[in-house]
Amino acid sequence: MPILDLQQISYAFGSNTVVDRLSLQLAAGSIACLLGPSGCGKTTVLRCIAGFEATAAGSIAIEGDIVARPGLHVPAEKRRVGMVFQDYALFPHLTVAGNIGFGLAPRERQERVAALLQTVGLAGQGERYPHELSGGQQQRVALARALAPRPRLLLLDEPFSNLDIDLRERLAQEVRQILRAEGVSAILVTHDQYEAFAFADMVGVMHEGRIQQWDTPYNLYHRPANRFVADFVGQGVFLPGEVQADGRIRFELGSLDTQGAQGAAGRKVDVLLRPDDVLHDDASALTAEVVAKAFRGAEFLYTLRLASGAHVLSLVPSHHNHALGERIGITLGADHVVSFPADAPG
């Protein structure tokens, strides 16, 4: 039985449909993420699961218990769902221990708070106040408070967004480890793909109130289900190609085995190339002009202009420091093709 089962849920603000017949299942013990741009409906889905909003249609079940369907809305406080908010929402007048233990029965409070302080790496900090902590420490306190009553499910609404970029990914990994240690299933909402990839086993990419693809981070990047997912997850460019009689797709950089139906010979397609699909190769007869470069420490991200005028991206080790306007050898490093019909919507 899944820990969470959403079946065709919908939600609207007036005439504006925010969540449109969305379904998903989360296995017990799994850590998932809803990823998408602002306004796609991901936070509203979280609020519906928590019980803060009533769905207009569909059903929500937690551990098999129906908590929302037409004519039924179990209030948030009876769902045993924990929530970590974007601003942490800590009580400023309470100590760290007081925040974590808020709402717990006195007989279990001391032991549970001590155990959670140890789990989140704040042992010995229980008597401090929120304003005395760093952003990362406050985030851990908010997490410990949400875990204290042993919820069936934990929901996190962009909890890392107020932190600097370097800290976000590290804390996402730390929170993942804490959830694993506690054995808690969780759903994170974020617009940051790197945060999502560091945190989640499964990611649902959302657009216009619907999940476009529910999959592993690896598959979202390498096997996107549609052009929206391909554009939103990772960097990449599309090059025009054509399906050949032998089933391969030929385009400016060569040809690739489609490993599946791509339509009849002669069909026009757009081939997705990620920066790691275009390799620097001094021995290659195929060259491209460096038109832009971004230094990333261990690598440069080069924007290269092909003979046709089309641009591709390439990640190159930073000891290959090429000048703008220089031509460099490249070769195709993709081991599978990702393509969409040329007339497919973006």
C-alpha atoms as a PDB file:
ATOM      1  CA  MET A   1       0.000   0.000   0.000  1.00  0.00           C
ATOM      2  CA  PRO A   2       1.404   3.450  -0.884  1.00  0.00           C
ATOM      3  CA  ILE A   3       1.906   5.944   1.935  1.00  0.00           C
ATOM      4  CA  LEU A   4       0.236   8.566  -0.269  1.00  0.00           C
ATOM      5  CA  ASP A   5      -2.257   8.129  -3.101  1.00  0.00           C
ATOM      6  CA  LEU A   6      -3.598  11.102  -5.062  1.00  0.00           C
ATOM      7  CA  GLN A   7      -6.250  10.278  -7.636  1.00  0.00           C
ATOM      8  CA  GLN A   8      -7.340  12.931 -10.145  1.00  0.00           C
ATOM      9  CA  ILE A   9      -7.289  15.826  -7.673  1.00  0.00           C
ATOM     10  CA  SER A  10      -8.232  19.313  -8.858  1.00  0.00           C
ATOM     11  CA  TYR A  11      -8.163  22.730  -7.236  1.00  0.00           C
ATOM     12  CA  ALA A  12      -9.156  26.154  -8.525  1.00  0.00           C
ATOM     13  CA  PHE A  13      -9.053  29.779  -7.414  1.00  0.00           C
ATOM     14  CA  GLY A  14     -12.318  31.049  -8.829  1.00  0.00           C
ATOM     15  CA  SER A  15     -12.191  30.324 -12.556  1.00  0.00           C
ATOM     16  CA  ASN A  16      -8.431  29.693 -12.494  1.00  0.00           C
ATOM     17  CA  THR A  17      -7.616  25.968 -12.373  1.00  0.00           C
ATOM     18  CA  VAL A  18      -4.383  25.568 -10.412  1.00  0.00           C
ATOM     19  CA  VAL A  19      -4.269  21.765 -10.071  1.00  0.00           C
ATOM     20  CA  ASP A  20      -5.805  19.815 -12.926  1.00  0.00           C
ATOM     21  CA  ARG A  21      -6.720  16.123 -12.413  1.00  0.00           C
ATOM     22  CA  LEU A  22      -3.354  15.300 -10.869  1.00  0.00           C
ATOM     23  CA  SER A  23      -2.512  11.764  -9.765  1.00  0.00           C
ATOM     24  CA  LEU A  24       0.533  10.292  -8.035  1.00  0.00           C
ATOM     25  CA  GLN A  25       1.481   7.515  -5.655  1.00  0.00           C
ATOM     26  CA  LEU A  26       4.314   7.596  -3.128  1.00  0.00           C
ATOM     27  CA  ALA A  27       5.688   4.316  -1.801  1.00  0.00           C
ATOM     28  CA  ALA A  28       6.213   3.998   1.942  1.00  0.00           C
ATOM     29  CA  GLY A  29       9.710   5.122   2.906  1.00  0.00           C
ATOM     30  CA  SER A  30      10.206   7.074  -0.321  1.00  0.00           C
ATOM     31  CA  ILE A  31      11.433  10.635  -0.618  1.00  0.00           C
ATOM     32  CA  ALA A  32       9.941  12.576  -3.499  1.00  0.00           C
ATOM     33  CA  CYS A  33       9.848  16.059  -4.956  1.00  0.00           C
ATOM     34  CA  LEU A  34       7.439  18.210  -6.938  1.00  0.00           C
ATOM     35  CA  LEU A  35       9.588  20.339  -9.238  1.00  0.00           C
ATOM     36  CA  GLY A  36       8.435  23.146 -11.461  1.00  0.00           C
ATOM     37  CA  PRO A  37       8.361  26.875 -12.198  1.00  0.00           C
ATOM     38  CA  SER A  38       6.479  29.404 -10.088  1.00  0.00           C
ATOM     39  CA  GLY A  39       2.742  29.197 -10.574  1.00  0.00           C
ATOM     40  CA  CYS A  40       2.669  25.566 -11.754  1.00  0.00           C
ATOM     41  CA  GLY A  41       0.571  24.416  -8.774  1.00  0.00           C
ATOM     42  CA  LYS A  42       3.172  22.470  -6.803  1.00  0.00           C
ATOM     43  CA  THR A  43       2.699  24.293  -3.472  1.00  0.00           C
ATOM     44  CA  THR A  44      -1.074  24.053  -3.837  1.00  0.00           C
ATOM     45  CA  VAL A  45      -0.747  20.264  -4.184  1.00  0.00           C
ATOM     46  CA  LEU A  46       1.273  20.218  -0.956  1.00  0.00           C
ATOM     47  CA  ARG A  47      -1.366  22.322   0.836  1.00  0.00           C
ATOM     48  CA  CYS A  48      -4.113  19.987  -0.365  1.00  0.00           C
ATOM     49  CA  ILE A  49      -2.211  16.971   0.976  1.00  0.00           C
ATOM     50  CA  ALA A  50      -1.652  18.751   4.305  1.00  0.00           C
ATOM     51  CA  GLY A  51      -5.342  19.665   4.576  1.00  0.00           C
ATOM     52  CA  PHE A  52      -4.884  23.436   4.360  1.00  0.00           C
ATOM     53  CA  GLU A  53      -6.926  23.520   1.133  1.00  0.00           C
ATOM     54  CA  ALA A  54      -9.990  21.495   0.154  1.00  0.00           C
ATOM     55  CA  THR A  55      -9.817  19.785  -3.236  1.00  0.00           C
ATOM     56  CA  ALA A  56     -12.598  20.374  -5.767  1.00  0.00           C
ATOM     57  CA  ALA A  57     -12.416  16.842  -7.172  1.00  0.00           C
ATOM     58  CA  GLY A  58     -10.551  13.564  -6.787  1.00  0.00           C
ATOM     59  CA  SER A  59      -9.334  11.842  -3.650  1.00  0.00           C
ATOM     60  CA  ILE A  60      -6.342  11.838  -1.288  1.00  0.00           C
ATOM     61  CA  ALA A  61      -5.455   8.799   0.805  1.00  0.00           C
ATOM     62  CA  ILE A  62      -2.703   8.551   3.431  1.00  0.00           C
ATOM     63  CA  GLU A  63      -1.786   4.993   4.457  1.00  0.00           C
ATOM     64  CA  GLY A  64      -5.058   3.895   2.909  1.00  0.00           C
ATOM     65  CA  ASP A  65      -7.153   6.375   4.914  1.00  0.00           C
ATOM     66  CA  ILE A  66      -9.210   8.685   2.685  1.00  0.00           C
ATOM     67  CA  VAL A  67      -8.637  12.242   3.947  1.00  0.00           C
ATOM     68  CA  ALA A  68     -10.164  14.143   1.010  1.00  0.00           C
ATOM     69  CA  ARG A  69     -12.823  13.439  -1.595  1.00  0.00           C
ATOM     70  CA  PRO A  70     -16.063  15.145  -2.659  1.00  0.00           C
ATOM     71  CA  GLY A  71     -18.058  15.678   0.533  1.00  0.00           C
ATOM     72  CA  LEU A  72     -15.154  14.782   2.850  1.00  0.00           C
ATOM     73  CA  HIS A  73     -12.323  16.954   4.148  1.00  0.00           C
ATOM     74  CA  VAL A  74     -10.371  15.667   7.148  1.00  0.00           C
ATOM     75  CA  PRO A  75      -8.872  18.731   8.909  1.00  0.00           C
ATOM     76  CA  ALA A  76      -5.117  19.222   8.853  1.00  0.00           C
ATOM     77  CA  GLU A  77      -4.610  18.520  12.557  1.00  0.00           C
ATOM     78  CA  LYS A  78      -6.130  15.045  12.188  1.00  0.00           C
ATOM     79  CA  ARG A  79      -4.057  13.894   9.195  1.00  0.00           C
ATOM     80  CA  ARG A  80      -0.778  13.274  11.079  1.00  0.00           C
ATOM     81  CA  VAL A  81       1.145  15.106   8.384  1.00  0.00           C
ATOM     82  CA  GLY A  82       4.192  17.198   9.270  1.00  0.00           C
ATOM     83  CA  MET A  83       5.021  20.447   7.487  1.00  0.00           C
ATOM     84  CA  VAL A  84       8.238  22.450   7.136  1.00  0.00           C
ATOM     85  CA  PHE A  85       7.574  25.928   5.776  1.00  0.00           C
ATOM     86  CA  GLN A  86       9.708  28.200   3.639  1.00  0.00           C
ATOM     87  CA  ASP A  87      10.241  30.667   6.502  1.00  0.00           C
ATOM     88  CA  TYR A  88      10.588  27.865   9.131  1.00  0.00           C
ATOM     89  CA  ALA A  89       7.855  29.541  11.295  1.00  0.00           C
ATOM     90  CA  LEU A  90       9.789  29.010  14.530  1.00  0.00           C
ATOM     91  CA  PHE A  91       8.459  30.527  17.740  1.00  0.00           C
ATOM     92  CA  PRO A  92      10.944  33.331  18.579  1.00  0.00           C
ATOM     93  CA  HIS A  93      10.075  33.324  22.311  1.00  0.00           C
ATOM     94  CA  LEU A  94      10.791  29.603  22.710  1.00  0.00           C
ATOM     95  CA  THR A  95      14.166  27.913  22.933  1.00  0.00           C
ATOM     96  CA  VAL A  96      15.280  25.329  20.392  1.00  0.00           C
ATOM     97  CA  ALA A  97      14.106  22.586  22.747  1.00  0.00           C
ATOM     98  CA  GLY A  98      10.841  24.428  23.338  1.00  0.00           C
ATOM     99  CA  ASN A  99      10.203  24.691  19.611  1.00  0.00           C
ATOM    100  CA  ILE A 100      10.933  21.030  18.972  1.00  0.00           C
ATOM    101  CA  GLY A 101       8.868  19.826  21.929  1.00  0.00           C
ATOM    102  CA  PHE A 102       5.902  22.119  21.307  1.00  0.00           C
ATOM    103  CA  GLY A 103       2.712  20.068  21.385  1.00  0.00           C
ATOM    104  CA  LEU A 104       4.333  16.873  22.678  1.00  0.00           C
ATOM    105  CA  ALA A 105       3.010  15.175  25.795  1.00  0.00           C
ATOM    106  CA  PRO A 106       5.146  16.053  28.847  1.00  0.00           C
ATOM    107  CA  ARG A 107       6.015  12.400  29.545  1.00  0.00           C
ATOM    108  CA  GLU A 108       7.781  11.968  26.196  1.00  0.00           C
ATOM    109  CA  ARG A 109       8.981  15.504  25.522  1.00  0.00           C
ATOM    110  CA  GLN A 110      12.437  15.455  27.079  1.00  0.00           C
ATOM    111  CA  GLU A 111      13.504  12.132  25.605  1.00  0.00           C
ATOM    112  CA  ARG A 112      12.132  12.871  22.129  1.00  0.00           C
ATOM    113  CA  VAL A 113      13.665  16.359  21.985  1.00  0.00           C
ATOM    114  CA  ALA A 114      17.081  15.060  23.082  1.00  0.00           C
ATOM    115  CA  ALA A 115      16.972  12.308  20.461  1.00  0.00           C
ATOM    116  CA  LEU A 116      16.006  14.718  17.672  1.00  0.00           C
ATOM    117  CA  LEU A 117      18.667  17.267  18.645  1.00  0.00           C
ATOM    118  CA  GLN A 118      21.197  14.473  18.248  1.00  0.00           C
ATOM    119  CA  THR A 119      19.673  13.375  14.925  1.00  0.00           C
ATOM    120  CA  VAL A 120      19.763  16.869  13.362  1.00  0.00           C
ATOM    121  CA  GLY A 121      23.253  17.649  14.630  1.00  0.00           C
ATOM    122  CA  LEU A 122      22.276  20.194  17.300  1.00  0.00           C
ATOM    123  CA  ALA A 123      23.063  18.269  20.468  1.00  0.00           C
ATOM    124  CA  GLY A 124      23.761  20.712  23.292  1.00  0.00           C
ATOM    125  CA  GLN A 125      21.977  23.589  21.529  1.00  0.00           C
ATOM    126  CA  GLY A 126      18.557  23.107  23.104  1.00  0.00           C
ATOM    127  CA  GLU A 127      18.661  26.230  25.303  1.00  0.00           C
ATOM    128  CA  ARG A 128      19.518  28.632  22.502  1.00  0.00           C
ATOM    129  CA  TYR A 129      16.896  30.793  20.798  1.00  0.00           C
ATOM    130  CA  PRO A 130      16.120  30.903  17.051  1.00  0.00           C
ATOM    131  CA  HIS A 131      17.695  34.331  16.566  1.00  0.00           C
ATOM    132  CA  GLU A 132      20.980  32.943  17.886  1.00  0.00           C
ATOM    133  CA  LEU A 133      21.160  30.317  15.130  1.00  0.00           C
ATOM    134  CA  SER A 134      22.313  30.390  11.526  1.00  0.00           C
ATOM    135  CA  GLY A 135      19.834  29.829   8.709  1.00  0.00           C
ATOM    136  CA  GLY A 136      20.967  26.248   8.311  1.00  0.00           C
ATOM    137  CA  GLN A 137      20.567  25.572  12.035  1.00  0.00           C
ATOM    138  CA  GLN A 138      17.088  27.121  12.046  1.00  0.00           C
ATOM    139  CA  GLN A 139      16.171  24.839   9.160  1.00  0.00           C
ATOM    140  CA  ARG A 140      17.245  21.817  11.206  1.00  0.00           C
ATOM    141  CA  VAL A 141      15.160  22.980  14.176  1.00  0.00           C
ATOM    142  CA  ALA A 142      12.106  23.361  11.926  1.00  0.00           C
ATOM    143  CA  LEU A 143      12.705  19.858  10.590  1.00  0.00           C
ATOM    144  CA  ALA A 144      13.093  18.400  14.095  1.00  0.00           C
ATOM    145  CA  ARG A 145       9.877  20.115  15.229  1.00  0.00           C
ATOM    146  CA  ALA A 146       7.980  18.636  12.262  1.00  0.00           C
ATOM    147  CA  LEU A 147       9.374  15.163  13.007  1.00  0.00           C
ATOM    148  CA  ALA A 148       8.747  15.302  16.760  1.00  0.00           C
ATOM    149  CA  PRO A 149       5.132  13.990  16.744  1.00  0.00           C
ATOM    150  CA  ARG A 150       6.145  11.131  14.396  1.00  0.00           C
ATOM    151  CA  PRO A 151       4.050  12.114  11.372  1.00  0.00           C
ATOM    152  CA  ARG A 152       2.936   9.583   8.779  1.00  0.00           C
ATOM    153  CA  LEU A 153       4.223  11.893   6.059  1.00  0.00           C
ATOM    154  CA  LEU A 154       6.431  14.988   5.968  1.00  0.00           C
ATOM    155  CA  LEU A 155       5.868  17.874   3.542  1.00  0.00           C
ATOM    156  CA  LEU A 156       8.557  20.488   2.871  1.00  0.00           C
ATOM    157  CA  ASP A 157       7.635  23.734   1.087  1.00  0.00           C
ATOM    158  CA  GLU A 158      10.859  25.175  -0.405  1.00  0.00           C
ATOM    159  CA  PRO A 159      12.636  24.982   2.976  1.00  0.00           C
ATOM    160  CA  PHE A 160      16.073  25.779   1.518  1.00  0.00           C
ATOM    161  CA  SER A 161      15.105  28.802  -0.597  1.00  0.00           C
ATOM    162  CA  ASN A 162      16.346  31.360   1.964  1.00  0.00           C
ATOM    163  CA  LEU A 163      19.809  29.783   2.076  1.00  0.00           C
ATOM    164  CA  ASP A 164      22.769  30.440  -0.178  1.00  0.00           C
ATOM    165  CA  ILE A 165      23.218  28.163  -3.191  1.00  0.00           C
ATOM    166  CA  ASP A 166      26.176  26.182  -1.822  1.00  0.00           C
ATOM    167  CA  LEU A 167      24.340  25.439   1.428  1.00  0.00           C
ATOM    168  CA  ARG A 168      21.101  24.350  -0.285  1.00  0.00           C
ATOM    169  CA  GLU A 169      22.419  21.199  -1.906  1.00  0.00           C
ATOM    170  CA  ARG A 170      24.421  20.175   1.162  1.00  0.00           C
ATOM    171  CA  LEU A 171      21.429  20.625   3.458  1.00  0.00           C
ATOM    172  CA  ALA A 172      19.155  18.795   1.032  1.00  0.00           C
ATOM    173  CA  GLN A 173      21.479  15.799   1.298  1.00  0.00           C
ATOM    174  CA  GLU A 174      21.646  16.118   5.090  1.00  0.00           C
ATOM    175  CA  VAL A 175      17.868  16.311   5.422  1.00  0.00           C
ATOM    176  CA  ARG A 176      17.566  13.250   3.195  1.00  0.00           C
ATOM    177  CA  GLN A 177      19.855  11.336   5.559  1.00  0.00           C
ATOM    178  CA  ILE A 178      17.835  12.489   8.583  1.00  0.00           C
ATOM    179  CA  LEU A 179      14.574  11.348   6.995  1.00  0.00           C
ATOM    180  CA  ARG A 180      16.129   7.992   6.184  1.00  0.00           C
ATOM    181  CA  ALA A 181      17.276   7.659   9.806  1.00  0.00           C
ATOM    182  CA  GLU A 182      13.763   8.472  11.046  1.00  0.00           C
ATOM    183  CA  GLY A 183      12.117   6.240   8.433  1.00  0.00           C
ATOM    184  CA  VAL A 184       9.809   9.050   7.299  1.00  0.00           C
ATOM    185  CA  SER A 185       8.310   9.413   3.825  1.00  0.00           C
ATOM    186  CA  ALA A 186       8.484  12.950   2.474  1.00  0.00           C
ATOM    187  CA  ILE A 187       7.627  15.276  -0.398  1.00  0.00           C
ATOM    188  CA  LEU A 188       9.657  18.407  -1.127  1.00  0.00           C
ATOM    189  CA  VAL A 189       8.429  21.293  -3.270  1.00  0.00           C
ATOM    190  CA  THR A 190      11.078  23.298  -5.121  1.00  0.00           C
ATOM    191  CA  HIS A 191      11.868  25.094  -8.372  1.00  0.00           C
ATOM    192  CA  ASP A 192      15.562  24.176  -8.096  1.00  0.00           C
ATOM    193  CA  GLN A 193      16.422  21.009 -10.023  1.00  0.00           C
ATOM    194  CA  TYR A 194      19.781  20.483  -8.301  1.00  0.00           C
ATOM    195  CA  GLU A 195      18.074  20.625  -4.912  1.00  0.00           C
ATOM    196  CA  ALA A 196      15.467  18.150  -6.174  1.00  0.00           C
ATOM    197  CA  PHE A 197      18.093  15.774  -7.527  1.00  0.00           C
ATOM    198  CA  ALA A 198      20.111  15.875  -4.291  1.00  0.00           C
ATOM    199  CA  PHE A 199      17.008  15.186  -2.188  1.00  0.00           C
ATOM    200  CA  ALA A 200      14.583  12.892  -3.956  1.00  0.00           C
ATOM    201  CA  ASP A 201      14.251   9.292  -5.126  1.00  0.00           C
ATOM    202  CA  MET A 202      11.385  10.284  -7.426  1.00  0.00           C
ATOM    203  CA  VAL A 203      10.638  13.675  -8.954  1.00  0.00           C
ATOM    204  CA  GLY A 204       7.427  14.929 -10.526  1.00  0.00           C
ATOM    205  CA  VAL A 205       7.970  17.773 -12.995  1.00  0.00           C
ATOM    206  CA  MET A 206       4.893  19.990 -12.953  1.00  0.00           C
ATOM    207  CA  HIS A 207       3.508  22.386 -15.561  1.00  0.00           C
ATOM    208  CA  GLU A 208       0.116  24.097 -15.609  1.00  0.00           C
ATOM    209  CA  GLY A 209      -1.284  22.030 -12.768  1.00  0.00           C
ATOM    210  CA  ARG A 210      -0.281  18.622 -14.078  1.00  0.00           C
ATOM    211  CA  ILE A 211       2.648  16.264 -13.606  1.00  0.00           C
ATOM    212  CA  GLN A 212       4.451  16.007 -16.931  1.00  0.00           C
ATOM    213  CA  GLN A 213       6.736  13.183 -15.790  1.00  0.00           C
ATOM    214  CA  TRP A 214       7.063  11.240 -12.522  1.00  0.00           C
ATOM    215  CA  ASP A 215      10.439   9.540 -12.631  1.00  0.00           C
ATOM    216  CA  THR A 216      13.937   9.198 -11.217  1.00  0.00           C
ATOM    217  CA  PRO A 217      16.251  12.207 -11.514  1.00  0.00           C
ATOM    218  CA  TYR A 218      18.443  10.231 -13.944  1.00  0.00           C
ATOM    219  CA  ASN A 219      15.559   9.484 -16.284  1.00  0.00           C
ATOM    220  CA  LEU A 220      14.245  13.040 -16.156  1.00  0.00           C
ATOM    221  CA  TYR A 221      17.608  14.285 -17.371  1.00  0.00           C
ATOM    222  CA  HIS A 222      18.446  11.576 -19.890  1.00  0.00           C
ATOM    223  CA  ARG A 223      14.979  10.403 -20.957  1.00  0.00           C
ATOM    224  CA  PRO A 224      12.578  13.365 -20.697  1.00  0.00           C
ATOM    225  CA  ALA A 225       8.989  12.505 -21.602  1.00  0.00           C
ATOM    226  CA  ASN A 226       8.296  15.707 -23.534  1.00  0.00           C
ATOM    227  CA  ARG A 227       9.842  18.975 -24.628  1.00  0.00           C
ATOM    228  CA  PHE A 228       8.776  20.852 -21.509  1.00  0.00           C
ATOM    229  CA  VAL A 229      10.644  18.409 -19.266  1.00  0.00           C
ATOM    230  CA  ALA A 230      13.630  18.453 -21.628  1.00  0.00           C
ATOM    231  CA  ASP A 231      13.772  22.260 -21.502  1.00  0.00           C
ATOM    232  CA  PHE A 232      13.135  22.606 -17.768  1.00  0.00           C
ATOM    233  CA  VAL A 233      15.497  19.905 -16.492  1.00  0.00           C
ATOM    234  CA  GLY A 234      19.151  20.548 -17.268  1.00  0.00           C
ATOM    235  CA  GLN A 235      20.689  22.557 -20.062  1.00  0.00           C
ATOM    236  CA  GLY A 236      20.499  21.540 -23.661  1.00  0.00           C
ATOM    237  CA  VAL A 237      19.788  22.525 -27.233  1.00  0.00           C
ATOM    238  CA  PHE A 238      17.785  20.986 -30.063  1.00  0.00           C
ATOM    239  CA  LEU A 239      19.261  20.270 -33.489  1.00  0.00           C
ATOM    240  CA  PRO A 240      17.082  19.384 -36.485  1.00  0.00           C
ATOM    241  CA  GLY A 241      17.327  15.793 -37.670  1.00  0.00           C
ATOM    242  CA  GLU A 242      15.668  13.269 -39.930  1.00  0.00           C
ATOM    243  CA  VAL A 243      14.697   9.619 -39.463  1.00  0.00           C
ATOM    244  CA  GLN A 244      16.586   7.357 -41.874  1.00  0.00           C
ATOM    245  CA  ALA A 245      15.414   4.165 -43.573  1.00  0.00           C
ATOM    246  CA  ASP A 246      17.644   2.108 -41.252  1.00  0.00           C
ATOM    247  CA  GLY A 247      15.899   3.610 -38.207  1.00  0.00           C
ATOM    248  CA  ARG A 248      18.763   5.902 -37.213  1.00  0.00           C
ATOM    249  CA  ILE A 249      18.406   9.647 -36.886  1.00  0.00           C
ATOM    250  CA  ARG A 250      20.868  11.732 -38.861  1.00  0.00           C
ATOM    251  CA  PHE A 251      21.681  15.316 -37.931  1.00  0.00           C
ATOM    252  CA  GLU A 252      24.559  17.761 -38.205  1.00  0.00           C
ATOM    253  CA  LEU A 253      26.874  16.022 -35.740  1.00  0.00           C
ATOM    254  CA  GLY A 254      26.333  12.492 -37.085  1.00  0.00           C
ATOM    255  CA  SER A 255      23.722   9.809 -36.495  1.00  0.00           C
ATOM    256  CA  LEU A 256      22.297   7.924 -33.544  1.00  0.00           C
ATOM    257  CA  ASP A 257      20.446   4.668 -33.130  1.00  0.00           C
ATOM    258  CA  THR A 258      16.887   5.482 -32.117  1.00  0.00           C
ATOM    259  CA  GLN A 259      16.442   2.198 -30.200  1.00  0.00           C
ATOM    260  CA  GLY A 260      12.704   2.471 -30.804  1.00  0.00           C
ATOM    261  CA  ALA A 261      10.033   3.813 -33.123  1.00  0.00           C
ATOM    262  CA  GLN A 262      10.604   7.385 -34.237  1.00  0.00           C
ATOM    263  CA  GLY A 263       8.219   7.415 -37.175  1.00  0.00           C
ATOM    264  CA  ALA A 264       8.576   6.738 -40.869  1.00  0.00           C
ATOM    265  CA  ALA A 265      11.761   7.404 -42.831  1.00  0.00           C
ATOM    266  CA  GLY A 266      12.005  11.063 -43.735  1.00  0.00           C
ATOM    267  CA  ARG A 267      10.222  12.293 -40.638  1.00  0.00           C
ATOM    268  CA  LYS A 268      11.646  15.555 -39.280  1.00  0.00           C
ATOM    269  CA  VAL A 269      12.649  15.536 -35.613  1.00  0.00           C
ATOM    270  CA  ASP A 270      14.489  17.723 -33.123  1.00  0.00           C
ATOM    271  CA  VAL A 271      17.378  15.999 -31.334  1.00  0.00           C
ATOM    272  CA  LEU A 272      18.175  17.009 -27.744  1.00  0.00           C
ATOM    273  CA  LEU A 273      21.857  17.422 -26.922  1.00  0.00           C
ATOM    274  CA  ARG A 274      23.076  18.026 -23.375  1.00  0.00           C
ATOM    275  CA  PRO A 275      26.437  19.679 -22.671  1.00  0.00           C
ATOM    276  CA  ASP A 276      27.911  16.264 -21.782  1.00  0.00           C
ATOM    277  CA  ASP A 277      26.853  14.882 -25.177  1.00  0.00           C
ATOM    278  CA  VAL A 278      29.302  17.123 -27.068  1.00  0.00           C
ATOM    279  CA  LEU A 279      32.911  16.183 -26.305  1.00  0.00           C
ATOM    280  CA  HIS A 280      36.085  18.135 -26.896  1.00  0.00           C
ATOM    281  CA  ASP A 281      38.355  16.143 -29.214  1.00  0.00           C
ATOM    282  CA  ASP A 282      41.521  17.694 -30.703  1.00  0.00           C
ATOM    283  CA  ALA A 283      41.810  14.794 -33.171  1.00  0.00           C
ATOM    284  CA  SER A 284      38.355  15.291 -34.643  1.00  0.00           C
ATOM    285  CA  ALA A 285      37.882  16.687 -38.136  1.00  0.00           C
ATOM    286  CA  LEU A 286      34.576  18.177 -36.991  1.00  0.00           C
ATOM    287  CA  THR A 287      35.166  21.621 -35.499  1.00  0.00           C
ATOM    288  CA  ALA A 288      33.084  24.390 -33.983  1.00  0.00           C
ATOM    289  CA  GLU A 289      33.727  28.002 -33.044  1.00  0.00           C
ATOM    290  CA  VAL A 290      33.796  29.111 -29.408  1.00  0.00           C
ATOM    291  CA  VAL A 291      31.265  31.946 -29.139  1.00  0.00           C
ATOM    292  CA  ALA A 292      30.805  32.046 -25.350  1.00  0.00           C
ATOM    293  CA  LYS A 293      32.375  30.442 -22.277  1.00  0.00           C
ATOM    294  CA  ALA A 294      31.516  30.212 -18.594  1.00  0.00           C
ATOM    295  CA  PHE A 295      34.171  29.189 -16.077  1.00  0.00           C
ATOM    296  CA  ARG A 296      32.844  26.678 -13.509  1.00  0.00           C
ATOM    297  CA  GLY A 297      36.009  25.765 -11.666  1.00  0.00           C
ATOM    298  CA  ALA A 298      36.712  22.226 -12.819  1.00  0.00           C
ATOM    299  CA  GLU A 299      35.039  22.856 -16.179  1.00  0.00           C
ATOM    300  CA  PHE A 300      34.208  25.420 -18.809  1.00  0.00           C
ATOM    301  CA  LEU A 301      30.735  25.481 -20.299  1.00  0.00           C
ATOM    302  CA  TYR A 302      31.386  26.414 -23.926  1.00  0.00           C
ATOM    303  CA  THR A 303      28.775  27.644 -26.367  1.00  0.00           C
ATOM    304  CA  LEU A 304      29.895  26.480 -29.792  1.00  0.00           C
ATOM    305  CA  ARG A 305      28.712  27.537 -33.250  1.00  0.00           C
ATOM    306  CA  LEU A 306      28.491  24.765 -35.841  1.00  0.00           C
ATOM    307  CA  ALA A 307      28.992  25.150 -39.582  1.00  0.00           C
ATOM    308  CA  SER A 308      25.216  25.585 -40.045  1.00  0.00           C
ATOM    309  CA  GLY A 309      25.165  28.435 -37.553  1.00  0.00           C
ATOM    310  CA  ALA A 310      23.388  26.337 -34.928  1.00  0.00           C
ATOM    311  CA  HIS A 311      24.720  26.457 -31.370  1.00  0.00           C
ATOM    312  CA  VAL A 312      25.510  23.556 -29.038  1.00  0.00           C
ATOM    313  CA  LEU A 313      26.830  23.424 -25.468  1.00  0.00           C
ATOM    314  CA  SER A 314      29.857  21.476 -24.290  1.00  0.00           C
ATOM    315  CA  LEU A 315      31.363  20.851 -20.848  1.00  0.00           C
ATOM    316  CA  VAL A 316      35.155  20.772 -21.130  1.00  0.00           C
ATOM    317  CA  PRO A 317      37.792  20.316 -18.371  1.00  0.00           C
ATOM    318  CA  SER A 318      39.041  23.755 -17.394  1.00  0.00           C
ATOM    319  CA  HIS A 319      42.665  23.101 -18.375  1.00  0.00           C
ATOM    320  CA  HIS A 320      41.364  23.399 -21.969  1.00  0.00           C
ATOM    321  CA  ASN A 321      41.098  27.173 -21.882  1.00  0.00           C
ATOM    322  CA  HIS A 322      40.127  28.227 -25.412  1.00  0.00           C
ATOM    323  CA  ALA A 323      39.659  31.790 -26.590  1.00  0.00           C
ATOM    324  CA  LEU A 324      36.488  33.244 -28.043  1.00  0.00           C
ATOM    325  CA  GLY A 325      36.558  32.835 -31.805  1.00  0.00           C
ATOM    326  CA  GLU A 326      38.857  29.811 -31.640  1.00  0.00           C
ATOM    327  CA  ARG A 327      37.784  26.641 -33.451  1.00  0.00           C
ATOM    328  CA  ILE A 328      38.013  23.418 -31.466  1.00  0.00           C
ATOM    329  CA  GLY A 329      37.525  19.777 -32.414  1.00  0.00           C
ATOM    330  CA  ILE A 330      34.390  18.091 -31.148  1.00  0.00           C
ATOM    331  CA  THR A 331      32.811  14.650 -31.327  1.00  0.00           C
ATOM    332  CA  LEU A 332      29.414  13.263 -30.466  1.00  0.00           C
ATOM    333  CA  GLY A 333      29.396  11.498 -27.100  1.00  0.00           C
ATOM    334  CA  ALA A 334      25.688  10.692 -26.734  1.00  0.00           C
ATOM    335  CA  ASP A 335      25.000   6.973 -26.276  1.00  0.00           C
ATOM    336  CA  HIS A 336      21.269   7.214 -26.922  1.00  0.00           C
ATOM    337  CA  VAL A 337      18.960   9.560 -28.780  1.00  0.00           C
ATOM    338  CA  VAL A 338      16.386  11.855 -27.245  1.00  0.00           C
ATOM    339  CA  SER A 339      14.235  13.398 -29.937  1.00  0.00           C
ATOM    340  CA  PHE A 340      10.790  14.829 -30.446  1.00  0.00           C
ATOM    341  CA  PRO A 341       8.745  15.419 -33.612  1.00  0.00           C
ATOM    342  CA  ALA A 342       9.711  18.768 -35.111  1.00  0.00           C
ATOM    343  CA  ASP A 343       6.104  19.916 -34.843  1.00  0.00           C
ATOM    344  CA  ALA A 344       5.708  18.871 -31.176  1.00  0.00           C
ATOM    345  CA  PRO A 345       4.587  21.673 -28.829  1.00  0.00           C
ATOM    346  CA  GLY A 346       7.282  23.191 -26.641  1.00  0.00           C
END
